[in-house]
Amino acid sequence: MSTDPACLSCGAPLRHTLIDLGEQPLANAYLVREQLEAGDEPRYPLHARICADCLLVQVEKVVSPAEIFSDYAYFSSYSPSWLAHCSDYARTVTDRLGLGPDSMVIEVASNDGHLLANFVSSGMPVLGVEPAANVAKVAVEAGVPTEVAFFGRPCAAEITGRGVSADLVVANNVLAHVPDLDDFVGGLAAILKPSGVLTVEVPHLLRIIEGTEFDTIYHEHLSYFSLLAARDVLARRGLRVFDVDELTTHGGSLRIWASRLDAAKAWPETAAVERVLETERAAGLHSLEGYREFAPRVESLLADLRRFLRDAKAAGERVAAYGAAAKGNTLLNTAEVTTEEIGYVVDRSPHKQGRFLPGSHLPILEPDHVRDDRPDYLLVLPWNLRDEITAQMADVRKWGCRFVVPVPRLEVVP
């Protein structure tokens, strides 16, 4: 009997490793002082594997979704660039699908309602489904109808049982978090009208591999999608991909457009679908061989970061960090960074300020602390927002502070 874990999508045994990052705390498990002082911080294996049958990259589920998402520290509306992305998306999809006051828009994992608010302002009925009660509360207070629930087939059946179904279903940056793809994607198909359209945004595995973006791997992200794998995941649950957009968000993402296999309107497949698939094949993502050089490149990147921090400390130079992002926690914990190397991290979100990063235990402070403390370097942990962050903190250059960007390679910005 095989002891290998089973693929989340097709059920095949997982026998091939992409990268093993050892044991780490949950990337979004920010600590309060009492937890820090108690010293009881669980760690779990963080081992990314590849399914040889359907090519889905995934990590094992080590804790229940309720432990991660029932009270969540991530609020999307604290990123101006993400707000702009959502606004642009709302305009694009409204025009393309001809949405209007009679069109129902449902977003799964709707966070604090920032995206749905664009449709509300256009007079459309909307419904958010969000498992984190603390985050959903913010959405409701902002006038975005939101139900607190983990989405899947039972949730979809309850909603459609009330006579509600969607012209548009939005699932942005949630598919990676799903422990039961059959239940979740089946629910997406069930909640769509026969004429409805689903859009899904996921970080693009091709960009993760090309850019050595290993820090996007953490326990909350169970799956990592190429279009090859995503198309298979959706097709197994009754959904057909007809278009795809390549986006710059999160270091490179895909927006996948899909409809039901029995759709009332047959959307023609665009040339973009085959173009992206061919790009993935050219990069070797259609076979296990295309993934073999990823782990050695990660080791090289980590060595560069450790060397930089060691040299800065030897020179008496102080390093602070910007952005209490989950990806930053994977980076810091894999590199075994502590407050000996980096004194603290600053973040704009008041929901994170006053807490401590998991594993590294860097205190999370407000951005103005950098201006008072005047470190020599500011390490940008959410490197995908480097332009936004370096613009927000441009005045640190006055005293000679330099930005450091760790991914896709260590760069000290002049």
Protein backbone atom coordinates (compact mmCIF):
# COMPACT_ATOMS: atom_id res chain seq x y z
CA MET A 1 0.00 0.00 0.00
CA SER A 2 1.42 3.41 -1.03
CA THR A 3 2.30 5.86 1.73
CA ASP A 4 2.65 8.70 -0.77
CA PRO A 5 0.11 11.54 -0.41
CA ALA A 6 -2.60 11.69 -3.07
CA CYS A 7 -3.00 14.46 -5.65
CA LEU A 8 -5.64 17.02 -4.71
CA SER A 9 -7.04 16.99 -8.23
CA CYS A 10 -6.75 13.52 -9.77
CA GLY A 11 -5.92 11.35 -6.76
CA ALA A 12 -2.69 9.90 -8.17
CA PRO A 13 0.17 9.24 -5.71
CA LEU A 14 2.63 12.14 -5.36
CA ARG A 15 6.16 10.75 -5.74
CA HIS A 16 8.09 13.71 -7.14
CA THR A 17 9.44 16.72 -5.23
CA LEU A 18 9.59 20.29 -6.51
CA ILE A 19 11.21 21.63 -3.33
CA ASP A 20 11.29 20.71 0.35
CA LEU A 21 11.42 23.82 2.57
CA GLY A 22 11.57 21.93 5.85
CA GLU A 23 9.32 22.63 8.84
CA GLN A 24 7.83 26.11 9.09
CA PRO A 25 5.07 27.91 11.01
CA LEU A 26 1.93 28.97 9.17
CA ALA A 27 2.84 32.02 7.09
CA ASN A 28 -0.15 34.07 8.24
CA ALA A 29 -0.01 33.03 11.91
CA TYR A 30 1.14 36.40 13.24
CA LEU A 31 1.89 36.27 16.94
CA VAL A 32 0.74 38.47 19.80
CA ARG A 33 3.22 39.10 22.62
CA GLU A 34 1.66 36.47 24.90
CA GLN A 35 2.17 33.79 22.24
CA LEU A 36 5.71 34.94 21.65
CA GLU A 37 6.55 34.74 25.35
CA ALA A 38 4.88 31.34 25.71
CA GLY A 39 7.23 29.99 23.04
CA ASP A 40 4.70 27.48 21.79
CA GLU A 41 4.71 27.95 18.02
CA PRO A 42 3.80 24.89 15.95
CA ARG A 43 5.75 24.11 12.78
CA TYR A 44 4.68 21.86 9.94
CA PRO A 45 6.40 20.26 6.91
CA LEU A 46 6.41 22.51 3.84
CA HIS A 47 7.11 20.13 0.97
CA ALA A 48 5.96 20.97 -2.57
CA ARG A 49 5.38 17.97 -4.83
CA ILE A 50 4.42 17.53 -8.49
CA CYS A 51 1.72 15.18 -9.75
CA ALA A 52 3.19 13.21 -12.65
CA ASP A 53 -0.31 12.52 -14.01
CA CYS A 54 -2.02 15.97 -14.08
CA LEU A 55 1.02 18.26 -13.37
CA LEU A 56 -0.55 19.99 -10.38
CA VAL A 57 2.10 21.24 -7.95
CA GLN A 58 0.89 21.07 -4.35
CA VAL A 59 1.79 20.89 -0.68
CA GLU A 60 0.14 18.61 1.84
CA LYS A 61 -2.75 19.88 3.92
CA VAL A 62 -1.35 20.07 7.46
CA VAL A 63 -4.07 22.05 9.25
CA SER A 64 -7.77 22.59 8.64
CA PRO A 65 -8.96 25.66 6.69
CA ALA A 66 -10.87 26.77 9.79
CA GLU A 67 -7.58 27.14 11.69
CA ILE A 68 -6.19 29.41 8.99
CA PHE A 69 -9.09 31.43 7.67
CA SER A 70 -11.70 31.83 10.41
CA ASP A 71 -9.83 34.87 11.76
CA TYR A 72 -7.54 36.23 9.06
CA ALA A 73 -4.97 39.02 9.08
CA TYR A 74 -4.95 39.74 5.34
CA PHE A 75 -7.04 42.70 4.15
CA SER A 76 -6.61 43.32 0.42
CA SER A 77 -7.68 46.96 0.52
CA TYR A 78 -4.36 48.06 2.06
CA SER A 79 -2.64 47.72 -1.33
CA PRO A 80 -3.40 50.63 -3.72
CA SER A 81 -2.13 48.67 -6.71
CA TRP A 82 -4.49 45.78 -5.90
CA LEU A 83 -7.43 48.15 -5.59
CA ALA A 84 -6.58 49.55 -9.03
CA HIS A 85 -6.36 46.00 -10.39
CA CYS A 86 -9.85 45.21 -9.07
CA SER A 87 -11.31 48.40 -10.49
CA ASP A 88 -9.83 47.68 -13.92
CA TYR A 89 -11.14 44.13 -13.80
CA ALA A 90 -14.67 45.26 -12.94
CA ARG A 91 -14.76 47.62 -15.93
CA THR A 92 -13.33 44.97 -18.28
CA VAL A 93 -15.66 42.15 -17.29
CA THR A 94 -18.73 44.41 -17.22
CA ASP A 95 -18.09 45.51 -20.79
CA ARG A 96 -17.20 42.06 -22.10
CA LEU A 97 -20.17 40.25 -20.57
CA GLY A 98 -22.64 43.13 -20.92
CA LEU A 99 -23.43 43.11 -17.21
CA GLY A 100 -26.10 45.46 -15.88
CA PRO A 101 -28.55 46.06 -13.02
CA ASP A 102 -30.15 42.64 -13.54
CA SER A 103 -26.84 40.73 -13.42
CA MET A 104 -25.86 38.85 -10.28
CA VAL A 105 -22.17 38.88 -9.37
CA ILE A 106 -20.94 36.40 -6.75
CA GLU A 107 -17.40 36.48 -5.41
CA VAL A 108 -15.98 33.56 -3.49
CA ALA A 109 -13.36 34.50 -0.88
CA SER A 110 -14.46 38.11 -1.21
CA ASN A 111 -12.22 39.36 1.63
CA ASP A 112 -13.20 42.89 2.74
CA GLY A 113 -15.45 43.49 -0.28
CA HIS A 114 -13.02 45.74 -2.16
CA LEU A 115 -13.71 44.10 -5.56
CA LEU A 116 -17.47 43.70 -5.25
CA ALA A 117 -17.76 47.35 -4.21
CA ASN A 118 -17.04 48.25 -7.84
CA PHE A 119 -20.15 46.37 -8.96
CA VAL A 120 -22.25 47.75 -6.10
CA SER A 121 -21.39 51.28 -7.22
CA SER A 122 -22.65 50.35 -10.71
CA GLY A 123 -26.01 49.30 -9.29
CA MET A 124 -25.58 45.53 -9.63
CA PRO A 125 -26.72 42.96 -7.07
CA VAL A 126 -23.76 41.15 -5.52
CA LEU A 127 -23.00 38.50 -2.95
CA GLY A 128 -19.69 37.82 -1.26
CA VAL A 129 -18.83 34.50 0.37
CA GLU A 130 -15.98 34.87 2.87
CA PRO A 131 -14.90 32.39 5.58
CA ALA A 132 -13.14 34.92 7.84
CA ALA A 133 -15.79 36.55 10.02
CA ASN A 134 -13.54 39.46 11.00
CA VAL A 135 -12.88 40.31 7.35
CA ALA A 136 -16.49 39.78 6.21
CA LYS A 137 -17.64 42.21 8.89
CA VAL A 138 -15.61 44.97 7.25
CA ALA A 139 -17.28 44.22 3.90
CA VAL A 140 -20.80 44.31 5.34
CA GLU A 141 -20.08 47.60 7.07
CA ALA A 142 -18.95 48.98 3.69
CA GLY A 143 -22.29 48.03 2.10
CA VAL A 144 -21.22 44.80 0.38
CA PRO A 145 -23.60 41.89 1.17
CA THR A 146 -21.39 39.07 2.46
CA GLU A 147 -22.07 35.67 3.98
CA VAL A 148 -19.59 34.00 6.35
CA ALA A 149 -19.04 30.50 4.98
CA PHE A 150 -16.52 28.12 3.53
CA PHE A 151 -17.52 27.67 -0.10
CA GLY A 152 -18.18 24.31 -1.68
CA ARG A 153 -21.06 22.25 -3.07
CA PRO A 154 -23.19 22.48 0.12
CA CYS A 155 -22.78 26.28 0.24
CA ALA A 156 -23.60 26.54 -3.48
CA ALA A 157 -26.70 24.38 -3.00
CA GLU A 158 -27.88 26.57 -0.13
CA ILE A 159 -27.49 29.73 -2.23
CA THR A 160 -29.11 28.33 -5.38
CA GLY A 161 -31.86 26.88 -3.20
CA ARG A 162 -32.83 30.49 -2.45
CA GLY A 163 -33.18 31.12 -6.19
CA VAL A 164 -29.81 32.90 -6.50
CA SER A 165 -27.38 32.02 -9.28
CA ALA A 166 -24.66 34.03 -10.96
CA ASP A 167 -24.07 35.70 -14.29
CA LEU A 168 -20.50 36.15 -13.10
CA VAL A 169 -18.61 34.20 -10.45
CA VAL A 170 -15.26 35.62 -9.36
CA ALA A 171 -12.65 33.50 -7.58
CA ASN A 172 -9.46 35.52 -7.23
CA ASN A 173 -6.46 34.04 -5.45
CA VAL A 174 -8.52 31.45 -3.62
CA LEU A 175 -8.17 28.26 -5.71
CA ALA A 176 -4.65 27.80 -4.33
CA HIS A 177 -6.08 27.65 -0.79
CA VAL A 178 -8.64 24.92 -1.41
CA PRO A 179 -8.12 21.50 0.25
CA ASP A 180 -10.98 19.80 -1.65
CA LEU A 181 -10.85 20.87 -5.28
CA ASP A 182 -13.70 18.56 -6.27
CA ASP A 183 -16.06 20.14 -3.73
CA PHE A 184 -14.97 23.72 -4.37
CA VAL A 185 -14.81 23.71 -8.18
CA GLY A 186 -17.98 21.65 -8.35
CA GLY A 187 -19.63 24.37 -6.29
CA LEU A 188 -18.41 27.05 -8.70
CA ALA A 189 -19.99 25.18 -11.61
CA ALA A 190 -23.23 24.68 -9.67
CA ILE A 191 -23.67 28.35 -8.77
CA LEU A 192 -23.31 29.56 -12.37
CA LYS A 193 -26.30 30.22 -14.57
CA PRO A 194 -26.17 28.19 -17.81
CA SER A 195 -25.13 31.41 -19.53
CA GLY A 196 -22.78 32.47 -16.73
CA VAL A 197 -19.03 32.98 -16.76
CA LEU A 198 -16.41 32.16 -14.14
CA THR A 199 -13.13 34.02 -13.84
CA VAL A 200 -10.35 32.62 -11.68
CA GLU A 201 -7.06 34.34 -10.89
CA VAL A 202 -4.09 32.25 -9.78
CA PRO A 203 -0.37 32.90 -9.54
CA HIS A 204 1.16 31.40 -12.69
CA LEU A 205 3.41 28.43 -11.95
CA LEU A 206 5.49 29.28 -15.02
CA ARG A 207 6.42 32.65 -13.47
CA ILE A 208 7.11 31.00 -10.10
CA ILE A 209 9.55 28.60 -11.76
CA GLU A 210 11.18 31.19 -14.03
CA GLY A 211 11.47 33.82 -11.29
CA THR A 212 12.62 31.50 -8.49
CA GLU A 213 9.54 32.68 -6.58
CA PHE A 214 9.76 29.94 -3.95
CA ASP A 215 8.49 32.34 -1.29
CA THR A 216 4.98 32.09 -2.74
CA ILE A 217 4.96 28.53 -1.38
CA TYR A 218 3.39 28.27 2.06
CA HIS A 219 0.93 26.03 3.89
CA GLU A 220 -2.11 28.18 3.08
CA HIS A 221 -1.29 27.83 -0.64
CA LEU A 222 -2.02 24.16 -1.26
CA SER A 223 -1.92 24.24 -5.09
CA TYR A 224 0.24 25.99 -7.72
CA PHE A 225 -1.20 26.21 -11.20
CA SER A 226 0.05 26.11 -14.72
CA LEU A 227 -2.69 26.53 -17.31
CA LEU A 228 -2.07 22.91 -18.20
CA ALA A 229 -3.01 21.84 -14.68
CA ALA A 230 -5.78 24.40 -14.14
CA ARG A 231 -7.57 23.44 -17.34
CA ASP A 232 -7.57 19.83 -16.17
CA VAL A 233 -8.83 20.75 -12.68
CA LEU A 234 -11.76 22.71 -14.14
CA ALA A 235 -12.63 20.21 -16.87
CA ARG A 236 -12.91 17.35 -14.36
CA ARG A 237 -15.68 19.38 -12.62
CA GLY A 238 -17.71 20.41 -15.66
CA LEU A 239 -16.05 23.71 -16.65
CA ARG A 240 -14.45 24.63 -19.97
CA VAL A 241 -11.64 27.19 -20.31
CA PHE A 242 -12.22 29.56 -23.22
CA ASP A 243 -9.80 32.42 -22.56
CA VAL A 244 -6.83 33.42 -20.42
CA ASP A 245 -5.13 36.71 -19.59
CA GLU A 246 -1.54 36.98 -18.39
CA LEU A 247 -1.32 39.46 -15.51
CA THR A 248 1.51 41.12 -13.61
CA THR A 249 -0.09 40.70 -10.17
CA HIS A 250 1.62 38.54 -7.52
CA GLY A 251 4.77 38.19 -9.60
CA GLY A 252 2.82 36.96 -12.63
CA SER A 253 -0.70 35.51 -12.61
CA LEU A 254 -3.31 34.03 -14.91
CA ARG A 255 -6.90 35.14 -15.21
CA ILE A 256 -8.76 32.12 -16.52
CA TRP A 257 -12.18 32.53 -18.14
CA ALA A 258 -14.46 29.49 -18.09
CA SER A 259 -18.07 28.49 -18.67
CA ARG A 260 -20.12 25.40 -17.97
CA LEU A 261 -19.68 22.49 -20.36
CA ASP A 262 -23.45 22.73 -20.99
CA ALA A 263 -23.29 26.52 -21.39
CA ALA A 264 -26.21 28.20 -23.08
CA LYS A 265 -23.71 30.40 -24.91
CA ALA A 266 -20.72 28.65 -26.46
CA TRP A 267 -17.83 31.05 -25.94
CA PRO A 268 -15.22 30.39 -28.65
CA GLU A 269 -11.76 29.47 -27.36
CA THR A 270 -9.36 32.34 -27.97
CA ALA A 271 -5.85 32.06 -29.39
CA ALA A 272 -4.50 33.11 -25.99
CA VAL A 273 -5.29 29.68 -24.51
CA GLU A 274 -3.07 27.77 -26.92
CA ARG A 275 -0.40 30.49 -26.78
CA VAL A 276 -0.04 30.15 -23.00
CA LEU A 277 -0.14 26.35 -23.19
CA GLU A 278 2.59 26.37 -25.82
CA THR A 279 4.73 28.72 -23.69
CA GLU A 280 4.39 26.30 -20.79
CA ARG A 281 5.32 23.34 -22.96
CA ALA A 282 8.35 25.21 -24.32
CA ALA A 283 9.46 25.79 -20.70
CA GLY A 284 9.17 22.06 -20.02
CA LEU A 285 6.19 22.24 -17.68
CA HIS A 286 4.48 19.39 -19.52
CA SER A 287 7.01 16.93 -18.06
CA LEU A 288 8.84 16.44 -14.76
CA GLU A 289 12.14 17.43 -16.34
CA GLY A 290 11.09 21.08 -16.57
CA TYR A 291 11.01 21.38 -12.76
CA ARG A 292 14.39 19.90 -11.79
CA GLU A 293 16.49 23.09 -11.72
CA PHE A 294 14.14 25.03 -9.45
CA ALA A 295 15.45 23.82 -6.07
CA PRO A 296 19.15 24.48 -6.89
CA ARG A 297 18.30 28.05 -7.96
CA VAL A 298 16.44 28.60 -4.68
CA GLU A 299 19.49 27.46 -2.72
CA SER A 300 21.65 29.96 -4.63
CA LEU A 301 19.21 32.80 -3.89
CA LEU A 302 19.13 31.92 -0.18
CA ALA A 303 22.93 31.84 -0.04
CA ASP A 304 23.04 35.35 -1.52
CA LEU A 305 20.56 36.65 1.08
CA ARG A 306 22.44 35.07 3.98
CA ARG A 307 25.72 36.52 2.67
CA PHE A 308 24.23 40.00 2.34
CA LEU A 309 22.87 39.95 5.90
CA ARG A 310 26.12 38.58 7.29
CA ASP A 311 28.20 41.24 5.51
CA ALA A 312 25.84 44.06 6.60
CA LYS A 313 26.10 42.95 10.23
CA ALA A 314 29.90 42.69 10.02
CA ALA A 315 30.03 46.24 8.63
CA GLY A 316 27.85 47.57 11.45
CA GLU A 317 25.00 48.33 9.03
CA ARG A 318 21.39 47.84 10.13
CA VAL A 319 18.68 46.15 8.07
CA ALA A 320 14.91 46.60 8.46
CA ALA A 321 12.17 45.02 6.36
CA TYR A 322 9.02 46.34 4.69
CA GLY A 323 5.82 44.35 4.33
CA ALA A 324 4.57 41.68 6.75
CA ALA A 325 3.60 39.50 3.82
CA ALA A 326 3.13 35.73 3.90
CA LYS A 327 5.71 35.33 1.13
CA GLY A 328 8.19 37.21 3.28
CA ASN A 329 7.70 34.71 6.08
CA THR A 330 8.59 31.81 3.81
CA LEU A 331 11.69 33.70 2.68
CA LEU A 332 12.83 34.65 6.19
CA ASN A 333 12.13 31.26 7.73
CA THR A 334 13.77 29.27 4.95
CA ALA A 335 16.84 31.51 5.30
CA GLU A 336 16.61 31.14 9.13
CA VAL A 337 16.61 34.90 9.65
CA THR A 338 16.03 36.29 13.16
CA THR A 339 16.05 39.70 14.83
CA GLU A 340 19.84 39.35 15.01
CA GLU A 341 19.99 40.06 11.27
CA ILE A 342 16.86 42.20 10.73
CA GLY A 343 15.58 44.37 13.57
CA TYR A 344 11.92 44.70 12.59
CA VAL A 345 9.42 44.87 9.75
CA VAL A 346 6.99 47.71 9.00
CA ASP A 347 3.54 47.35 7.45
CA ARG A 348 0.67 49.69 6.63
CA SER A 349 -2.02 47.35 7.96
CA PRO A 350 -3.10 48.21 11.52
CA HIS A 351 -4.35 44.60 11.76
CA LYS A 352 -0.72 43.42 11.73
CA GLN A 353 0.99 46.22 13.63
CA GLY A 354 1.91 45.28 17.20
CA ARG A 355 2.22 41.59 16.33
CA PHE A 356 5.28 39.50 15.44
CA LEU A 357 6.17 37.55 12.33
CA PRO A 358 5.84 33.77 12.68
CA GLY A 359 9.16 32.00 12.99
CA SER A 360 11.53 34.95 12.68
CA HIS A 361 9.65 36.90 15.41
CA LEU A 362 10.38 40.29 13.85
CA PRO A 363 8.13 42.91 15.50
CA ILE A 364 5.64 44.54 13.10
CA LEU A 365 5.69 48.34 13.36
CA GLU A 366 4.14 51.21 11.43
CA PRO A 367 6.09 52.57 8.41
CA ASP A 368 6.99 55.85 10.12
CA HIS A 369 9.25 53.91 12.47
CA VAL A 370 11.72 53.58 9.60
CA ARG A 371 11.94 57.36 9.37
CA ASP A 372 12.66 57.63 13.08
CA ASP A 373 15.11 54.73 13.21
CA ARG A 374 16.98 55.40 9.92
CA PRO A 375 18.31 51.94 9.02
CA ASP A 376 20.92 51.46 6.29
CA TYR A 377 18.83 49.00 4.26
CA LEU A 378 15.13 48.28 3.77
CA LEU A 379 14.42 44.74 2.59
CA VAL A 380 11.25 44.67 0.47
CA LEU A 381 9.55 41.38 1.36
CA PRO A 382 6.50 41.76 -0.98
CA TRP A 383 8.88 42.20 -3.93
CA ASN A 384 5.96 42.04 -6.37
CA LEU A 385 5.01 45.51 -5.04
CA ARG A 386 8.53 46.94 -5.26
CA ASP A 387 7.54 49.95 -7.37
CA GLU A 388 4.63 50.82 -5.08
CA ILE A 389 6.71 50.42 -1.93
CA THR A 390 9.82 52.25 -3.14
CA ALA A 391 7.58 55.15 -4.19
CA GLN A 392 5.78 55.21 -0.80
CA MET A 393 9.09 55.14 1.08
CA ALA A 394 11.18 57.19 -1.36
CA ASP A 395 12.21 59.67 1.35
CA VAL A 396 14.38 57.06 3.09
CA ARG A 397 17.01 57.77 0.48
CA LYS A 398 17.62 61.13 2.18
CA TRP A 399 19.86 59.51 4.79
CA GLY A 400 21.35 56.98 2.38
CA CYS A 401 19.05 54.05 3.09
CA ARG A 402 18.96 51.61 0.19
CA PHE A 403 16.18 49.24 -0.84
CA VAL A 404 17.00 45.55 -1.14
CA VAL A 405 14.80 43.29 -3.29
CA PRO A 406 15.33 39.55 -2.62
CA VAL A 407 13.47 37.87 -5.53
CA PRO A 408 13.99 36.87 -8.34
CA ARG A 409 17.60 37.60 -7.32
CA LEU A 410 19.08 39.66 -4.54
CA GLU A 411 19.33 43.28 -5.72
CA VAL A 412 20.51 46.30 -3.77
CA VAL A 413 18.75 49.16 -5.53
CA PRO A 414 21.21 52.02 -6.20
